[in-house]
Amino acid sequence: MILLVTNRRDVTSDHVVLELRRRGQLYARLNTEDLASARSSWRLAGADPDWTIATDGRTLDLNAVAAAYLRRPLPPDLAELADLGERRYATGEWVALLEALYAHLGDRWLNPPAAMSSAEDKLRQLTLASRLGCPSSDDLGHSAVFRSGGSGSSGVRG
């Protein structure tokens, strides 16, 4: 089975799903923002844990995953938690679960999550390109000003 780890609104993953269906390929799509309503369970049984994630009435057996594809995961939707502290804590727990999932699937990733994170780092890309002698403008980056409470700059620029 191929596992797609993505989000509900990812149109590219929608096209991948259509192609997998056309080919008769077994797949599962895990929209990460839906994890807040999912149930994850694992049992240590030898070298590999038995790990399942149940969401939307379906149960995903992670040991049955032969290959996985990561595309634009989003944090779980925890809007029902009114307390900001609880929401941050719960988000951290779900992010930790995703990171464990990434590690658990190991070399089954078509695009390893750590490599994807590194590839999305624009400053790293531009620095490497410069070191390799690629010409570039000094002004390829952009800056952002973060506002605090709607008034004044926080002084943070990126």
C-alpha atoms as a PDB file:
ATOM      1  CA  MET A   1       0.000   0.000   0.000  1.00  0.00           C
ATOM      2  CA  ILE A   2       1.097   3.574  -0.724  1.00  0.00           C
ATOM      3  CA  LEU A   3       0.519   6.146   1.999  1.00  0.00           C
ATOM      4  CA  LEU A   4      -0.079   9.792   1.067  1.00  0.00           C
ATOM      5  CA  VAL A   5       0.532  12.156   3.992  1.00  0.00           C
ATOM      6  CA  THR A   6      -0.985  15.471   2.963  1.00  0.00           C
ATOM      7  CA  ASN A   7      -3.855  17.870   3.690  1.00  0.00           C
ATOM      8  CA  ARG A   8      -7.502  18.094   2.663  1.00  0.00           C
ATOM      9  CA  ARG A   9      -7.013  20.942   0.192  1.00  0.00           C
ATOM     10  CA  ASP A  10      -3.991  19.567  -1.663  1.00  0.00           C
ATOM     11  CA  VAL A  11      -5.108  19.369  -5.280  1.00  0.00           C
ATOM     12  CA  THR A  12      -1.861  17.719  -6.379  1.00  0.00           C
ATOM     13  CA  SER A  13      -2.531  14.828  -3.994  1.00  0.00           C
ATOM     14  CA  ASP A  14      -6.072  14.638  -5.402  1.00  0.00           C
ATOM     15  CA  HIS A  15      -4.514  14.013  -8.827  1.00  0.00           C
ATOM     16  CA  VAL A  16      -2.154  11.405  -7.372  1.00  0.00           C
ATOM     17  CA  VAL A  17      -5.176   9.631  -5.831  1.00  0.00           C
ATOM     18  CA  LEU A  18      -6.967   9.619  -9.194  1.00  0.00           C
ATOM     19  CA  GLU A  19      -3.920   8.092 -10.871  1.00  0.00           C
ATOM     20  CA  LEU A  20      -3.508   5.461  -8.145  1.00  0.00           C
ATOM     21  CA  ARG A  21      -7.186   4.523  -8.547  1.00  0.00           C
ATOM     22  CA  ARG A  22      -6.810   4.353 -12.338  1.00  0.00           C
ATOM     23  CA  ARG A  23      -3.904   1.942 -11.879  1.00  0.00           C
ATOM     24  CA  GLY A  24      -5.756  -0.129  -9.281  1.00  0.00           C
ATOM     25  CA  GLN A  25      -3.073   0.603  -6.690  1.00  0.00           C
ATOM     26  CA  LEU A  26      -3.907   0.177  -3.026  1.00  0.00           C
ATOM     27  CA  TYR A  27      -3.392   3.476  -1.164  1.00  0.00           C
ATOM     28  CA  ALA A  28      -4.362   5.392   1.949  1.00  0.00           C
ATOM     29  CA  ARG A  29      -4.559   9.157   2.287  1.00  0.00           C
ATOM     30  CA  LEU A  30      -3.828  10.684   5.671  1.00  0.00           C
ATOM     31  CA  ASN A  31      -4.866  14.333   5.870  1.00  0.00           C
ATOM     32  CA  THR A  32      -2.804  15.555   8.800  1.00  0.00           C
ATOM     33  CA  GLU A  33      -5.235  18.246   9.925  1.00  0.00           C
ATOM     34  CA  ASP A  34      -7.726  15.420  10.639  1.00  0.00           C
ATOM     35  CA  LEU A  35      -5.407  13.777  13.167  1.00  0.00           C
ATOM     36  CA  ALA A  36      -7.126  15.588  16.042  1.00  0.00           C
ATOM     37  CA  SER A  37     -10.108  13.270  15.588  1.00  0.00           C
ATOM     38  CA  ALA A  38      -7.970  10.173  14.914  1.00  0.00           C
ATOM     39  CA  ARG A  39      -6.981   7.417  17.285  1.00  0.00           C
ATOM     40  CA  SER A  40      -3.418   6.154  17.172  1.00  0.00           C
ATOM     41  CA  SER A  41      -2.378   2.948  18.882  1.00  0.00           C
ATOM     42  CA  TRP A  42       0.711   0.820  18.895  1.00  0.00           C
ATOM     43  CA  ARG A  43       1.890  -2.355  20.516  1.00  0.00           C
ATOM     44  CA  LEU A  44       5.498  -3.388  20.816  1.00  0.00           C
ATOM     45  CA  ALA A  45       5.802  -6.846  19.333  1.00  0.00           C
ATOM     46  CA  GLY A  46       9.397  -7.630  18.498  1.00  0.00           C
ATOM     47  CA  ALA A  47      11.516  -5.391  16.305  1.00  0.00           C
ATOM     48  CA  ASP A  48       8.626  -3.519  14.651  1.00  0.00           C
ATOM     49  CA  PRO A  49       5.704  -2.136  16.634  1.00  0.00           C
ATOM     50  CA  ASP A  50       2.181  -2.829  15.466  1.00  0.00           C
ATOM     51  CA  TRP A  51       0.969   0.708  14.777  1.00  0.00           C
ATOM     52  CA  THR A  52      -2.439   1.784  13.530  1.00  0.00           C
ATOM     53  CA  ILE A  53      -4.140   5.113  13.015  1.00  0.00           C
ATOM     54  CA  ALA A  54      -7.935   5.096  12.881  1.00  0.00           C
ATOM     55  CA  THR A  55      -9.685   8.065  11.295  1.00  0.00           C
ATOM     56  CA  ASP A  56     -12.902   8.617   9.337  1.00  0.00           C
ATOM     57  CA  GLY A  57     -14.084   5.086  10.097  1.00  0.00           C
ATOM     58  CA  ARG A  58     -10.997   3.500   8.524  1.00  0.00           C
ATOM     59  CA  THR A  59      -7.947   1.967  10.163  1.00  0.00           C
ATOM     60  CA  LEU A  60      -4.525   2.421   8.638  1.00  0.00           C
ATOM     61  CA  ASP A  61      -1.996  -0.328   9.443  1.00  0.00           C
ATOM     62  CA  LEU A  62       1.379   1.376   9.170  1.00  0.00           C
ATOM     63  CA  ASN A  63       3.153  -1.978   8.843  1.00  0.00           C
ATOM     64  CA  ALA A  64       1.279  -2.501   5.552  1.00  0.00           C
ATOM     65  CA  VAL A  65       2.801   0.656   4.024  1.00  0.00           C
ATOM     66  CA  ALA A  66       5.251  -0.213   1.243  1.00  0.00           C
ATOM     67  CA  ALA A  67       5.901   3.393   0.176  1.00  0.00           C
ATOM     68  CA  ALA A  68       4.950   6.827   1.472  1.00  0.00           C
ATOM     69  CA  TYR A  69       4.660  10.263  -0.121  1.00  0.00           C
ATOM     70  CA  LEU A  70       4.749  13.500   1.891  1.00  0.00           C
ATOM     71  CA  ARG A  71       3.133  16.614   0.475  1.00  0.00           C
ATOM     72  CA  ARG A  72       2.308  19.756   2.445  1.00  0.00           C
ATOM     73  CA  PRO A  73       1.168  18.357   5.790  1.00  0.00           C
ATOM     74  CA  LEU A  74      -0.698  20.786   8.054  1.00  0.00           C
ATOM     75  CA  PRO A  75      -1.004  20.864  11.844  1.00  0.00           C
ATOM     76  CA  PRO A  76      -4.080  19.134  13.254  1.00  0.00           C
ATOM     77  CA  ASP A  77      -7.241  21.236  13.437  1.00  0.00           C
ATOM     78  CA  LEU A  78      -7.714  21.895  17.154  1.00  0.00           C
ATOM     79  CA  ALA A  79     -10.118  24.828  16.894  1.00  0.00           C
ATOM     80  CA  GLU A  80     -12.462  23.206  19.427  1.00  0.00           C
ATOM     81  CA  LEU A  81      -9.864  23.795  22.150  1.00  0.00           C
ATOM     82  CA  ALA A  82     -10.677  27.279  23.417  1.00  0.00           C
ATOM     83  CA  ASP A  83      -7.647  27.573  25.697  1.00  0.00           C
ATOM     84  CA  LEU A  84      -4.556  28.674  23.748  1.00  0.00           C
ATOM     85  CA  GLY A  85      -2.223  26.779  26.099  1.00  0.00           C
ATOM     86  CA  GLU A  86      -4.172  23.543  25.627  1.00  0.00           C
ATOM     87  CA  ARG A  87      -4.189  24.065  21.866  1.00  0.00           C
ATOM     88  CA  ARG A  88      -0.413  24.592  21.778  1.00  0.00           C
ATOM     89  CA  TYR A  89       0.179  21.532  23.953  1.00  0.00           C
ATOM     90  CA  ALA A  90      -2.119  19.323  21.848  1.00  0.00           C
ATOM     91  CA  THR A  91      -0.546  20.595  18.620  1.00  0.00           C
ATOM     92  CA  GLY A  92       2.899  19.717  19.982  1.00  0.00           C
ATOM     93  CA  GLU A  93       1.717  16.205  20.823  1.00  0.00           C
ATOM     94  CA  TRP A  94       0.315  15.644  17.322  1.00  0.00           C
ATOM     95  CA  VAL A  95       3.439  17.065  15.684  1.00  0.00           C
ATOM     96  CA  ALA A  96       5.490  14.628  17.795  1.00  0.00           C
ATOM     97  CA  LEU A  97       3.277  11.791  16.549  1.00  0.00           C
ATOM     98  CA  LEU A  98       3.865  12.883  12.937  1.00  0.00           C
ATOM     99  CA  GLU A  99       7.622  12.991  13.511  1.00  0.00           C
ATOM    100  CA  ALA A 100       7.452   9.478  14.966  1.00  0.00           C
ATOM    101  CA  LEU A 101       5.491   8.404  11.882  1.00  0.00           C
ATOM    102  CA  TYR A 102       8.151   9.900   9.628  1.00  0.00           C
ATOM    103  CA  ALA A 103      10.876   8.018  11.506  1.00  0.00           C
ATOM    104  CA  HIS A 104       8.872   4.771  11.655  1.00  0.00           C
ATOM    105  CA  LEU A 105       8.443   4.630   7.889  1.00  0.00           C
ATOM    106  CA  GLY A 106      12.189   5.185   7.434  1.00  0.00           C
ATOM    107  CA  ASP A 107      13.394   4.284   3.955  1.00  0.00           C
ATOM    108  CA  ARG A 108       9.845   3.714   2.656  1.00  0.00           C
ATOM    109  CA  TRP A 109       9.502   7.447   1.940  1.00  0.00           C
ATOM    110  CA  LEU A 110       9.608   8.444  -1.723  1.00  0.00           C
ATOM    111  CA  ASN A 111      10.611  11.925  -0.494  1.00  0.00           C
ATOM    112  CA  PRO A 112      12.130  11.692   3.007  1.00  0.00           C
ATOM    113  CA  PRO A 113      10.658  14.344   5.343  1.00  0.00           C
ATOM    114  CA  ALA A 114      14.075  15.560   6.549  1.00  0.00           C
ATOM    115  CA  ALA A 115      15.194  16.085   2.952  1.00  0.00           C
ATOM    116  CA  MET A 116      11.957  17.909   2.155  1.00  0.00           C
ATOM    117  CA  SER A 117      12.439  20.262   5.086  1.00  0.00           C
ATOM    118  CA  SER A 118      15.989  20.996   3.982  1.00  0.00           C
ATOM    119  CA  ALA A 119      14.936  21.512   0.367  1.00  0.00           C
ATOM    120  CA  GLU A 120      12.340  24.120   1.372  1.00  0.00           C
ATOM    121  CA  ASP A 121      14.935  26.268   3.168  1.00  0.00           C
ATOM    122  CA  LYS A 122      15.416  29.115   0.662  1.00  0.00           C
ATOM    123  CA  LEU A 123      18.345  30.700   2.496  1.00  0.00           C
ATOM    124  CA  ARG A 124      20.132  27.332   2.530  1.00  0.00           C
ATOM    125  CA  GLN A 125      19.458  26.900  -1.196  1.00  0.00           C
ATOM    126  CA  LEU A 126      20.773  30.368  -2.062  1.00  0.00           C
ATOM    127  CA  THR A 127      23.849  29.944   0.136  1.00  0.00           C
ATOM    128  CA  LEU A 128      24.667  26.604  -1.483  1.00  0.00           C
ATOM    129  CA  ALA A 129      24.096  28.042  -4.961  1.00  0.00           C
ATOM    130  CA  SER A 130      26.463  30.909  -4.155  1.00  0.00           C
ATOM    131  CA  ARG A 131      29.125  28.497  -2.873  1.00  0.00           C
ATOM    132  CA  LEU A 132      28.800  26.518  -6.107  1.00  0.00           C
ATOM    133  CA  GLY A 133      29.373  29.695  -8.127  1.00  0.00           C
ATOM    134  CA  CYS A 134      25.854  30.278  -9.402  1.00  0.00           C
ATOM    135  CA  PRO A 135      25.211  33.943 -10.108  1.00  0.00           C
ATOM    136  CA  SER A 136      22.489  35.553  -8.029  1.00  0.00           C
ATOM    137  CA  SER A 137      21.107  38.902  -7.081  1.00  0.00           C
ATOM    138  CA  ASP A 138      21.845  40.281  -3.624  1.00  0.00           C
ATOM    139  CA  ASP A 139      18.131  40.980  -3.236  1.00  0.00           C
ATOM    140  CA  LEU A 140      16.480  37.589  -3.834  1.00  0.00           C
ATOM    141  CA  GLY A 141      15.128  37.258  -0.313  1.00  0.00           C
ATOM    142  CA  HIS A 142      12.201  39.048   1.224  1.00  0.00           C
ATOM    143  CA  SER A 143      11.531  40.622   4.574  1.00  0.00           C
ATOM    144  CA  ALA A 144       8.607  40.388   6.912  1.00  0.00           C
ATOM    145  CA  VAL A 145       7.563  42.599   9.761  1.00  0.00           C
ATOM    146  CA  PHE A 146       5.602  40.991  12.565  1.00  0.00           C
ATOM    147  CA  ARG A 147       3.198  43.194  14.452  1.00  0.00           C
ATOM    148  CA  SER A 148       2.414  42.829  18.112  1.00  0.00           C
ATOM    149  CA  GLY A 149      -1.181  43.481  19.100  1.00  0.00           C
ATOM    150  CA  GLY A 150      -1.768  45.476  15.945  1.00  0.00           C
ATOM    151  CA  SER A 151       0.562  48.299  16.910  1.00  0.00           C
ATOM    152  CA  GLY A 152       4.243  48.813  16.293  1.00  0.00           C
ATOM    153  CA  SER A 153       6.915  46.519  14.944  1.00  0.00           C
ATOM    154  CA  SER A 154       8.312  43.739  17.061  1.00  0.00           C
ATOM    155  CA  GLY A 155      11.665  44.373  15.421  1.00  0.00           C
ATOM    156  CA  VAL A 156      11.773  40.883  13.912  1.00  0.00           C
ATOM    157  CA  ARG A 157      12.711  40.871  10.254  1.00  0.00           C
ATOM    158  CA  GLY A 158      13.316  37.883   8.040  1.00  0.00           C
END
